[in-house]
mmCIF file of all heavy atoms, coordinates in Angstrom:
data_MODEL
# 
_entry.id   MODEL 
# 
loop_
_atom_site.group_PDB 
_atom_site.id 
_atom_site.type_symbol 
_atom_site.label_atom_id 
_atom_site.label_alt_id 
_atom_site.label_comp_id 
_atom_site.label_asym_id 
_atom_site.label_entity_id 
_atom_site.label_seq_id 
_atom_site.pdbx_PDB_ins_code 
_atom_site.Cartn_x 
_atom_site.Cartn_y 
_atom_site.Cartn_z 
_atom_site.occupancy 
_atom_site.B_iso_or_equiv 
_atom_site.pdbx_formal_charge 
_atom_site.auth_seq_id 
_atom_site.auth_comp_id 
_atom_site.auth_asym_id 
_atom_site.auth_atom_id 
_atom_site.pdbx_PDB_model_num 
ATOM 1   N N   . LYS A 1 1  ? 102.958 107.233 98.127  1.00 0.00 ? 1  LYS A N   1 
ATOM 2   C CA  . LYS A 1 1  ? 103.441 106.496 99.302  1.00 0.00 ? 1  LYS A CA  1 
ATOM 3   C C   . LYS A 1 1  ? 104.819 105.874 99.049  1.00 0.00 ? 1  LYS A C   1 
ATOM 4   O O   . LYS A 1 1  ? 105.603 105.684 99.970  1.00 0.00 ? 1  LYS A O   1 
ATOM 5   C CB  . LYS A 1 1  ? 102.432 105.425 99.708  1.00 0.00 ? 1  LYS A CB  1 
ATOM 6   C CG  . LYS A 1 1  ? 102.236 104.312 98.680  1.00 0.00 ? 1  LYS A CG  1 
ATOM 7   C CD  . LYS A 1 1  ? 101.197 103.310 99.159  1.00 0.00 ? 1  LYS A CD  1 
ATOM 8   C CE  . LYS A 1 1  ? 101.040 102.173 98.143  1.00 0.00 ? 1  LYS A CE  1 
ATOM 9   N NZ  . LYS A 1 1  ? 100.013 101.190 98.584  1.00 0.00 ? 1  LYS A NZ  1 
ATOM 10  N N   . LEU A 1 2  ? 105.093 105.572 97.746  1.00 0.00 ? 2  LEU A N   1 
ATOM 11  C CA  . LEU A 1 2  ? 106.426 105.045 97.438  1.00 0.00 ? 2  LEU A CA  1 
ATOM 12  C C   . LEU A 1 2  ? 107.484 106.127 97.588  1.00 0.00 ? 2  LEU A C   1 
ATOM 13  O O   . LEU A 1 2  ? 108.599 105.873 98.058  1.00 0.00 ? 2  LEU A O   1 
ATOM 14  C CB  . LEU A 1 2  ? 106.449 104.476 96.023  1.00 0.00 ? 2  LEU A CB  1 
ATOM 15  C CG  . LEU A 1 2  ? 105.637 103.207 95.785  1.00 0.00 ? 2  LEU A CG  1 
ATOM 16  C CD1 . LEU A 1 2  ? 105.742 102.786 94.320  1.00 0.00 ? 2  LEU A CD1 1 
ATOM 17  C CD2 . LEU A 1 2  ? 106.134 102.084 96.683  1.00 0.00 ? 2  LEU A CD2 1 
ATOM 18  N N   . ILE A 1 3  ? 107.138 107.365 97.171  1.00 0.00 ? 3  ILE A N   1 
ATOM 19  C CA  . ILE A 1 3  ? 108.084 108.475 97.306  1.00 0.00 ? 3  ILE A CA  1 
ATOM 20  C C   . ILE A 1 3  ? 108.369 108.746 98.778  1.00 0.00 ? 3  ILE A C   1 
ATOM 21  O O   . ILE A 1 3  ? 109.520 108.928 99.188  1.00 0.00 ? 3  ILE A O   1 
ATOM 22  C CB  . ILE A 1 3  ? 107.522 109.726 96.607  1.00 0.00 ? 3  ILE A CB  1 
ATOM 23  C CG1 . ILE A 1 3  ? 107.320 109.447 95.106  1.00 0.00 ? 3  ILE A CG1 1 
ATOM 24  C CG2 . ILE A 1 3  ? 108.439 110.921 96.826  1.00 0.00 ? 3  ILE A CG2 1 
ATOM 25  C CD1 . ILE A 1 3  ? 106.651 110.576 94.352  1.00 0.00 ? 3  ILE A CD1 1 
ATOM 26  N N   . LYS A 1 4  ? 107.310 108.747 99.575  1.00 0.00 ? 4  LYS A N   1 
ATOM 27  C CA  . LYS A 1 4  ? 107.494 108.953 101.016 1.00 0.00 ? 4  LYS A CA  1 
ATOM 28  C C   . LYS A 1 4  ? 108.235 107.777 101.642 1.00 0.00 ? 4  LYS A C   1 
ATOM 29  O O   . LYS A 1 4  ? 109.089 107.950 102.518 1.00 0.00 ? 4  LYS A O   1 
ATOM 30  C CB  . LYS A 1 4  ? 106.125 109.128 101.674 1.00 0.00 ? 4  LYS A CB  1 
ATOM 31  C CG  . LYS A 1 4  ? 106.201 109.475 103.146 1.00 0.00 ? 4  LYS A CG  1 
ATOM 32  C CD  . LYS A 1 4  ? 104.808 109.693 103.712 1.00 0.00 ? 4  LYS A CD  1 
ATOM 33  C CE  . LYS A 1 4  ? 104.895 110.024 105.197 1.00 0.00 ? 4  LYS A CE  1 
ATOM 34  N NZ  . LYS A 1 4  ? 103.539 110.216 105.795 1.00 0.00 ? 4  LYS A NZ  1 
ATOM 35  N N   . GLY A 1 5  ? 107.907 106.566 101.154 1.00 0.00 ? 5  GLY A N   1 
ATOM 36  C CA  . GLY A 1 5  ? 108.569 105.380 101.696 1.00 0.00 ? 5  GLY A CA  1 
ATOM 37  C C   . GLY A 1 5  ? 110.060 105.362 101.406 1.00 0.00 ? 5  GLY A C   1 
ATOM 38  O O   . GLY A 1 5  ? 110.861 104.921 102.236 1.00 0.00 ? 5  GLY A O   1 
ATOM 39  N N   . LYS A 1 6  ? 110.455 105.877 100.218 1.00 0.00 ? 6  LYS A N   1 
ATOM 40  C CA  . LYS A 1 6  ? 111.882 105.913 99.895  1.00 0.00 ? 6  LYS A CA  1 
ATOM 41  C C   . LYS A 1 6  ? 112.628 106.855 100.829 1.00 0.00 ? 6  LYS A C   1 
ATOM 42  O O   . LYS A 1 6  ? 113.769 106.583 101.242 1.00 0.00 ? 6  LYS A O   1 
ATOM 43  C CB  . LYS A 1 6  ? 112.073 106.331 98.438  1.00 0.00 ? 6  LYS A CB  1 
ATOM 44  C CG  . LYS A 1 6  ? 113.524 106.232 97.992  1.00 0.00 ? 6  LYS A CG  1 
ATOM 45  C CD  . LYS A 1 6  ? 113.674 106.491 96.505  1.00 0.00 ? 6  LYS A CD  1 
ATOM 46  C CE  . LYS A 1 6  ? 115.128 106.300 96.081  1.00 0.00 ? 6  LYS A CE  1 
ATOM 47  N NZ  . LYS A 1 6  ? 115.316 106.540 94.632  1.00 0.00 ? 6  LYS A NZ  1 
ATOM 48  N N   . GLY A 1 7  ? 111.983 107.978 101.182 1.00 0.00 ? 7  GLY A N   1 
ATOM 49  C CA  . GLY A 1 7  ? 112.609 108.886 102.141 1.00 0.00 ? 7  GLY A CA  1 
ATOM 50  C C   . GLY A 1 7  ? 112.765 108.234 103.510 1.00 0.00 ? 7  GLY A C   1 
ATOM 51  O O   . GLY A 1 7  ? 113.802 108.386 104.179 1.00 0.00 ? 7  GLY A O   1 
ATOM 52  N N   . LEU A 1 8  ? 111.709 107.503 103.929 1.00 0.00 ? 8  LEU A N   1 
ATOM 53  C CA  . LEU A 1 8  ? 111.800 106.794 105.210 1.00 0.00 ? 8  LEU A CA  1 
ATOM 54  C C   . LEU A 1 8  ? 112.857 105.688 105.164 1.00 0.00 ? 8  LEU A C   1 
ATOM 55  O O   . LEU A 1 8  ? 113.531 105.424 106.169 1.00 0.00 ? 8  LEU A O   1 
ATOM 56  C CB  . LEU A 1 8  ? 110.434 106.207 105.568 1.00 0.00 ? 8  LEU A CB  1 
ATOM 57  C CG  . LEU A 1 8  ? 109.336 107.228 105.908 1.00 0.00 ? 8  LEU A CG  1 
ATOM 58  C CD1 . LEU A 1 8  ? 107.986 106.521 106.075 1.00 0.00 ? 8  LEU A CD1 1 
ATOM 59  C CD2 . LEU A 1 8  ? 109.695 107.981 107.185 1.00 0.00 ? 8  LEU A CD2 1 
ATOM 60  N N   . LEU A 1 9  ? 112.996 105.046 103.998 1.00 0.00 ? 9  LEU A N   1 
ATOM 61  C CA  . LEU A 1 9  ? 114.019 104.010 103.867 1.00 0.00 ? 9  LEU A CA  1 
ATOM 62  C C   . LEU A 1 9  ? 115.411 104.600 104.047 1.00 0.00 ? 9  LEU A C   1 
ATOM 63  O O   . LEU A 1 9  ? 116.261 104.018 104.739 1.00 0.00 ? 9  LEU A O   1 
ATOM 64  C CB  . LEU A 1 9  ? 113.893 103.349 102.490 1.00 0.00 ? 9  LEU A CB  1 
ATOM 65  C CG  . LEU A 1 9  ? 114.973 102.323 102.134 1.00 0.00 ? 9  LEU A CG  1 
ATOM 66  C CD1 . LEU A 1 9  ? 114.934 101.138 103.095 1.00 0.00 ? 9  LEU A CD1 1 
ATOM 67  C CD2 . LEU A 1 9  ? 114.797 101.841 100.694 1.00 0.00 ? 9  LEU A CD2 1 
ATOM 68  N N   . LYS A 1 10 ? 115.633 105.779 103.450 1.00 0.00 ? 10 LYS A N   1 
ATOM 69  C CA  . LYS A 1 10 ? 116.942 106.433 103.611 1.00 0.00 ? 10 LYS A CA  1 
ATOM 70  C C   . LYS A 1 10 ? 117.176 106.821 105.068 1.00 0.00 ? 10 LYS A C   1 
ATOM 71  O O   . LYS A 1 10 ? 118.274 106.642 105.614 1.00 0.00 ? 10 LYS A O   1 
ATOM 72  C CB  . LYS A 1 10 ? 117.005 107.654 102.711 1.00 0.00 ? 10 LYS A CB  1 
ATOM 73  C CG  . LYS A 1 10 ? 118.352 108.377 102.742 1.00 0.00 ? 10 LYS A CG  1 
ATOM 74  C CD  . LYS A 1 10 ? 118.358 109.561 101.800 1.00 0.00 ? 10 LYS A CD  1 
ATOM 75  C CE  . LYS A 1 10 ? 119.733 110.245 101.822 1.00 0.00 ? 10 LYS A CE  1 
ATOM 76  N NZ  . LYS A 1 10 ? 120.107 110.715 103.172 1.00 0.00 ? 10 LYS A NZ  1 
ATOM 77  N N   . ASP A 1 11 ? 116.123 107.348 105.727 1.00 0.00 ? 11 ASP A N   1 
ATOM 78  C CA  . ASP A 1 11 ? 116.265 107.715 107.143 1.00 0.00 ? 11 ASP A CA  1 
ATOM 79  C C   . ASP A 1 11 ? 116.571 106.488 108.001 1.00 0.00 ? 11 ASP A C   1 
ATOM 80  O O   . ASP A 1 11 ? 117.417 106.555 108.915 1.00 0.00 ? 11 ASP A O   1 
ATOM 81  C CB  . ASP A 1 11 ? 114.974 108.380 107.637 1.00 0.00 ? 11 ASP A CB  1 
ATOM 82  C CG  . ASP A 1 11 ? 114.747 109.736 106.989 1.00 0.00 ? 11 ASP A CG  1 
ATOM 83  O OD1 . ASP A 1 11 ? 115.743 110.312 106.483 1.00 0.00 ? 11 ASP A OD1 1 
ATOM 84  O OD2 . ASP A 1 11 ? 113.596 110.201 106.981 1.00 0.00 ? 11 ASP A OD2 1 
ATOM 85  N N   . TYR A 1 12 ? 115.892 105.375 107.713 1.00 0.00 ? 12 TYR A N   1 
ATOM 86  C CA  . TYR A 1 12 ? 116.139 104.167 108.497 1.00 0.00 ? 12 TYR A CA  1 
ATOM 87  C C   . TYR A 1 12 ? 117.584 103.694 108.345 1.00 0.00 ? 12 TYR A C   1 
ATOM 88  O O   . TYR A 1 12 ? 118.236 103.317 109.327 1.00 0.00 ? 12 TYR A O   1 
ATOM 89  C CB  . TYR A 1 12 ? 115.180 103.049 108.067 1.00 0.00 ? 12 TYR A CB  1 
ATOM 90  C CG  . TYR A 1 12 ? 115.518 101.722 108.714 1.00 0.00 ? 12 TYR A CG  1 
ATOM 91  C CD1 . TYR A 1 12 ? 115.157 101.455 110.028 1.00 0.00 ? 12 TYR A CD1 1 
ATOM 92  C CD2 . TYR A 1 12 ? 116.250 100.760 108.015 1.00 0.00 ? 12 TYR A CD2 1 
ATOM 93  C CE1 . TYR A 1 12 ? 115.491 100.258 110.637 1.00 0.00 ? 12 TYR A CE1 1 
ATOM 94  C CE2 . TYR A 1 12 ? 116.596 99.564  108.607 1.00 0.00 ? 12 TYR A CE2 1 
ATOM 95  C CZ  . TYR A 1 12 ? 116.211 99.316  109.920 1.00 0.00 ? 12 TYR A CZ  1 
ATOM 96  O OH  . TYR A 1 12 ? 116.560 98.133  110.519 1.00 0.00 ? 12 TYR A OH  1 
ATOM 97  N N   . LYS A 1 13 ? 118.100 103.724 107.118 1.00 0.00 ? 13 LYS A N   1 
ATOM 98  C CA  . LYS A 1 13 ? 119.472 103.288 106.906 1.00 0.00 ? 13 LYS A CA  1 
ATOM 99  C C   . LYS A 1 13 ? 120.460 104.179 107.649 1.00 0.00 ? 13 LYS A C   1 
ATOM 100 O O   . LYS A 1 13 ? 121.437 103.697 108.236 1.00 0.00 ? 13 LYS A O   1 
ATOM 101 C CB  . LYS A 1 13 ? 119.790 103.272 105.412 1.00 0.00 ? 13 LYS A CB  1 
ATOM 102 C CG  . LYS A 1 13 ? 119.083 102.159 104.648 1.00 0.00 ? 13 LYS A CG  1 
ATOM 103 C CD  . LYS A 1 13 ? 119.494 102.154 103.182 1.00 0.00 ? 13 LYS A CD  1 
ATOM 104 C CE  . LYS A 1 13 ? 118.851 100.987 102.441 1.00 0.00 ? 13 LYS A CE  1 
ATOM 105 N NZ  . LYS A 1 13 ? 119.246 100.952 101.003 1.00 0.00 ? 13 LYS A NZ  1 
ATOM 106 N N   . ASP A 1 14 ? 120.186 105.493 107.666 1.00 0.00 ? 14 ASP A N   1 
ATOM 107 C CA  . ASP A 1 14 ? 121.085 106.415 108.380 1.00 0.00 ? 14 ASP A CA  1 
ATOM 108 C C   . ASP A 1 14 ? 121.030 106.179 109.887 1.00 0.00 ? 14 ASP A C   1 
ATOM 109 O O   . ASP A 1 14 ? 122.073 106.096 110.552 1.00 0.00 ? 14 ASP A O   1 
ATOM 110 C CB  . ASP A 1 14 ? 120.705 107.862 108.063 1.00 0.00 ? 14 ASP A CB  1 
ATOM 111 C CG  . ASP A 1 14 ? 120.976 108.217 106.607 1.00 0.00 ? 14 ASP A CG  1 
ATOM 112 O OD1 . ASP A 1 14 ? 121.800 107.530 105.984 1.00 0.00 ? 14 ASP A OD1 1 
ATOM 113 O OD2 . ASP A 1 14 ? 120.337 109.177 106.103 1.00 0.00 ? 14 ASP A OD2 1 
ATOM 114 N N   . TYR A 1 15 ? 119.807 106.056 110.425 1.00 0.00 ? 15 TYR A N   1 
ATOM 115 C CA  . TYR A 1 15 ? 119.670 105.859 111.872 1.00 0.00 ? 15 TYR A CA  1 
ATOM 116 C C   . TYR A 1 15 ? 120.240 104.501 112.311 1.00 0.00 ? 15 TYR A C   1 
ATOM 117 O O   . TYR A 1 15 ? 120.893 104.395 113.354 1.00 0.00 ? 15 TYR A O   1 
ATOM 118 C CB  . TYR A 1 15 ? 118.193 105.964 112.275 1.00 0.00 ? 15 TYR A CB  1 
ATOM 119 C CG  . TYR A 1 15 ? 117.626 107.366 112.180 1.00 0.00 ? 15 TYR A CG  1 
ATOM 120 C CD1 . TYR A 1 15 ? 116.369 107.586 111.616 1.00 0.00 ? 15 TYR A CD1 1 
ATOM 121 C CD2 . TYR A 1 15 ? 118.349 108.457 112.645 1.00 0.00 ? 15 TYR A CD2 1 
ATOM 122 C CE1 . TYR A 1 15 ? 115.845 108.872 111.525 1.00 0.00 ? 15 TYR A CE1 1 
ATOM 123 C CE2 . TYR A 1 15 ? 117.822 109.738 112.551 1.00 0.00 ? 15 TYR A CE2 1 
ATOM 124 C CZ  . TYR A 1 15 ? 116.580 109.949 111.992 1.00 0.00 ? 15 TYR A CZ  1 
ATOM 125 O OH  . TYR A 1 15 ? 116.072 111.214 111.902 1.00 0.00 ? 15 TYR A OH  1 
ATOM 126 N N   . SER A 1 16 ? 119.972 103.469 111.524 1.00 0.00 ? 16 SER A N   1 
ATOM 127 C CA  . SER A 1 16 ? 120.470 102.143 111.901 1.00 0.00 ? 16 SER A CA  1 
ATOM 128 C C   . SER A 1 16 ? 121.993 102.084 111.822 1.00 0.00 ? 16 SER A C   1 
ATOM 129 O O   . SER A 1 16 ? 122.641 101.425 112.640 1.00 0.00 ? 16 SER A O   1 
ATOM 130 C CB  . SER A 1 16 ? 119.850 101.071 111.001 1.00 0.00 ? 16 SER A CB  1 
ATOM 131 O OG  . SER A 1 16 ? 120.208 101.292 109.643 1.00 0.00 ? 16 SER A OG  1 
ATOM 132 N N   . LYS A 1 17 ? 122.565 102.797 110.841 1.00 0.00 ? 17 LYS A N   1 
ATOM 133 C CA  . LYS A 1 17 ? 124.035 102.835 110.759 1.00 0.00 ? 17 LYS A CA  1 
ATOM 134 C C   . LYS A 1 17 ? 124.613 103.558 111.976 1.00 0.00 ? 17 LYS A C   1 
ATOM 135 O O   . LYS A 1 17 ? 125.647 103.137 112.530 1.00 0.00 ? 17 LYS A O   1 
ATOM 136 C CB  . LYS A 1 17 ? 124.460 103.529 109.471 1.00 0.00 ? 17 LYS A CB  1 
ATOM 137 C CG  . LYS A 1 17 ? 125.962 103.497 109.230 1.00 0.00 ? 17 LYS A CG  1 
ATOM 138 C CD  . LYS A 1 17 ? 126.327 104.205 107.941 1.00 0.00 ? 17 LYS A CD  1 
ATOM 139 C CE  . LYS A 1 17 ? 125.790 103.463 106.742 1.00 0.00 ? 17 LYS A CE  1 
ATOM 140 N NZ  . LYS A 1 17 ? 126.218 104.091 105.457 1.00 0.00 ? 17 LYS A NZ  1 
ATOM 141 N N   . THR A 1 18 ? 123.969 104.633 112.401 1.00 0.00 ? 18 THR A N   1 
ATOM 142 C CA  . THR A 1 18 ? 124.423 105.342 113.599 1.00 0.00 ? 18 THR A CA  1 
ATOM 143 C C   . THR A 1 18 ? 124.310 104.443 114.832 1.00 0.00 ? 18 THR A C   1 
ATOM 144 O O   . THR A 1 18 ? 125.200 104.434 115.699 1.00 0.00 ? 18 THR A O   1 
ATOM 145 C CB  . THR A 1 18 ? 123.592 106.620 113.815 1.00 0.00 ? 18 THR A CB  1 
ATOM 146 O OG1 . THR A 1 18 ? 123.653 107.429 112.632 1.00 0.00 ? 18 THR A OG1 1 
ATOM 147 C CG2 . THR A 1 18 ? 124.122 107.421 114.995 1.00 0.00 ? 18 THR A CG2 1 
ATOM 148 N N   . SER A 1 19 ? 123.221 103.673 114.906 1.00 0.00 ? 19 SER A N   1 
ATOM 149 C CA  . SER A 1 19 ? 123.054 102.737 116.028 1.00 0.00 ? 19 SER A CA  1 
ATOM 150 C C   . SER A 1 19 ? 124.171 101.695 116.029 1.00 0.00 ? 19 SER A C   1 
ATOM 151 O O   . SER A 1 19 ? 124.723 101.360 117.083 1.00 0.00 ? 19 SER A O   1 
ATOM 152 C CB  . SER A 1 19 ? 121.690 102.051 115.938 1.00 0.00 ? 19 SER A CB  1 
ATOM 153 O OG  . SER A 1 19 ? 120.651 102.989 115.969 1.00 0.00 ? 19 SER A OG  1 
ATOM 154 N N   . LEU A 1 20 ? 124.497 101.187 114.844 1.00 0.00 ? 20 LEU A N   1 
ATOM 155 C CA  . LEU A 1 20 ? 125.550 100.175 114.754 1.00 0.00 ? 20 LEU A CA  1 
ATOM 156 C C   . LEU A 1 20 ? 126.899 100.735 115.195 1.00 0.00 ? 20 LEU A C   1 
ATOM 157 O O   . LEU A 1 20 ? 127.637 100.085 115.961 1.00 0.00 ? 20 LEU A O   1 
ATOM 158 C CB  . LEU A 1 20 ? 125.642 99.652  113.317 1.00 0.00 ? 20 LEU A CB  1 
ATOM 159 C CG  . LEU A 1 20 ? 126.733 98.608  113.053 1.00 0.00 ? 20 LEU A CG  1 
ATOM 160 C CD1 . LEU A 1 20 ? 126.447 97.330  113.822 1.00 0.00 ? 20 LEU A CD1 1 
ATOM 161 C CD2 . LEU A 1 20 ? 126.857 98.321  111.556 1.00 0.00 ? 20 LEU A CD2 1 
ATOM 162 N N   . VAL A 1 21 ? 127.236 101.937 114.733 1.00 0.00 ? 21 VAL A N   1 
ATOM 163 C CA  . VAL A 1 21 ? 128.516 102.556 115.125 1.00 0.00 ? 21 VAL A CA  1 
ATOM 164 C C   . VAL A 1 21 ? 128.562 102.778 116.629 1.00 0.00 ? 21 VAL A C   1 
ATOM 165 O O   . VAL A 1 21 ? 129.582 102.510 117.287 1.00 0.00 ? 21 VAL A O   1 
ATOM 166 C CB  . VAL A 1 21 ? 128.717 103.872 114.355 1.00 0.00 ? 21 VAL A CB  1 
ATOM 167 C CG1 . VAL A 1 21 ? 129.943 104.616 114.878 1.00 0.00 ? 21 VAL A CG1 1 
ATOM 168 C CG2 . VAL A 1 21 ? 128.867 103.602 112.860 1.00 0.00 ? 21 VAL A CG2 1 
ATOM 169 N N   . SER A 1 22 ? 127.454 103.268 117.210 1.00 0.00 ? 22 SER A N   1 
ATOM 170 C CA  . SER A 1 22 ? 127.415 103.488 118.664 1.00 0.00 ? 22 SER A CA  1 
ATOM 171 C C   . SER A 1 22 ? 127.582 102.175 119.424 1.00 0.00 ? 22 SER A C   1 
ATOM 172 O O   . SER A 1 22 ? 128.286 102.117 120.446 1.00 0.00 ? 22 SER A O   1 
ATOM 173 C CB  . SER A 1 22 ? 126.087 104.152 119.057 1.00 0.00 ? 22 SER A CB  1 
ATOM 174 O OG  . SER A 1 22 ? 125.924 105.380 118.396 1.00 0.00 ? 22 SER A OG  1 
ATOM 175 N N   . PHE A 1 23 ? 126.950 101.108 118.925 1.00 0.00 ? 23 PHE A N   1 
ATOM 176 C CA  . PHE A 1 23 ? 127.067 99.795  119.574 1.00 0.00 ? 23 PHE A CA  1 
ATOM 177 C C   . PHE A 1 23 ? 128.509 99.291  119.538 1.00 0.00 ? 23 PHE A C   1 
ATOM 178 O O   . PHE A 1 23 ? 129.043 98.820  120.551 1.00 0.00 ? 23 PHE A O   1 
ATOM 179 C CB  . PHE A 1 23 ? 126.131 98.801  118.879 1.00 0.00 ? 23 PHE A CB  1 
ATOM 180 C CG  . PHE A 1 23 ? 126.198 97.402  119.421 1.00 0.00 ? 23 PHE A CG  1 
ATOM 181 C CD1 . PHE A 1 23 ? 125.423 97.037  120.513 1.00 0.00 ? 23 PHE A CD1 1 
ATOM 182 C CD2 . PHE A 1 23 ? 127.034 96.446  118.858 1.00 0.00 ? 23 PHE A CD2 1 
ATOM 183 C CE1 . PHE A 1 23 ? 125.471 95.745  121.023 1.00 0.00 ? 23 PHE A CE1 1 
ATOM 184 C CE2 . PHE A 1 23 ? 127.096 95.163  119.358 1.00 0.00 ? 23 PHE A CE2 1 
ATOM 185 C CZ  . PHE A 1 23 ? 126.304 94.815  120.452 1.00 0.00 ? 23 PHE A CZ  1 
ATOM 186 N N   . LEU A 1 24 ? 129.156 99.397  118.380 1.00 0.00 ? 24 LEU A N   1 
ATOM 187 C CA  . LEU A 1 24 ? 130.532 98.911  118.247 1.00 0.00 ? 24 LEU A CA  1 
ATOM 188 C C   . LEU A 1 24 ? 131.494 99.730  119.101 1.00 0.00 ? 24 LEU A C   1 
ATOM 189 O O   . LEU A 1 24 ? 132.404 99.179  119.741 1.00 0.00 ? 24 LEU A O   1 
ATOM 190 C CB  . LEU A 1 24 ? 130.958 98.944  116.783 1.00 0.00 ? 24 LEU A CB  1 
ATOM 191 C CG  . LEU A 1 24 ? 130.190 98.011  115.840 1.00 0.00 ? 24 LEU A CG  1 
ATOM 192 C CD1 . LEU A 1 24 ? 130.650 98.201  114.392 1.00 0.00 ? 24 LEU A CD1 1 
ATOM 193 C CD2 . LEU A 1 24 ? 130.342 96.556  116.260 1.00 0.00 ? 24 LEU A CD2 1 
# 
């Protein structure tokens, strides 16, 4: 679950960064 969680953590950082750029 930690291995899967690390992948989800990377996906969250990518998606949230895209959201931030779109907002700005």
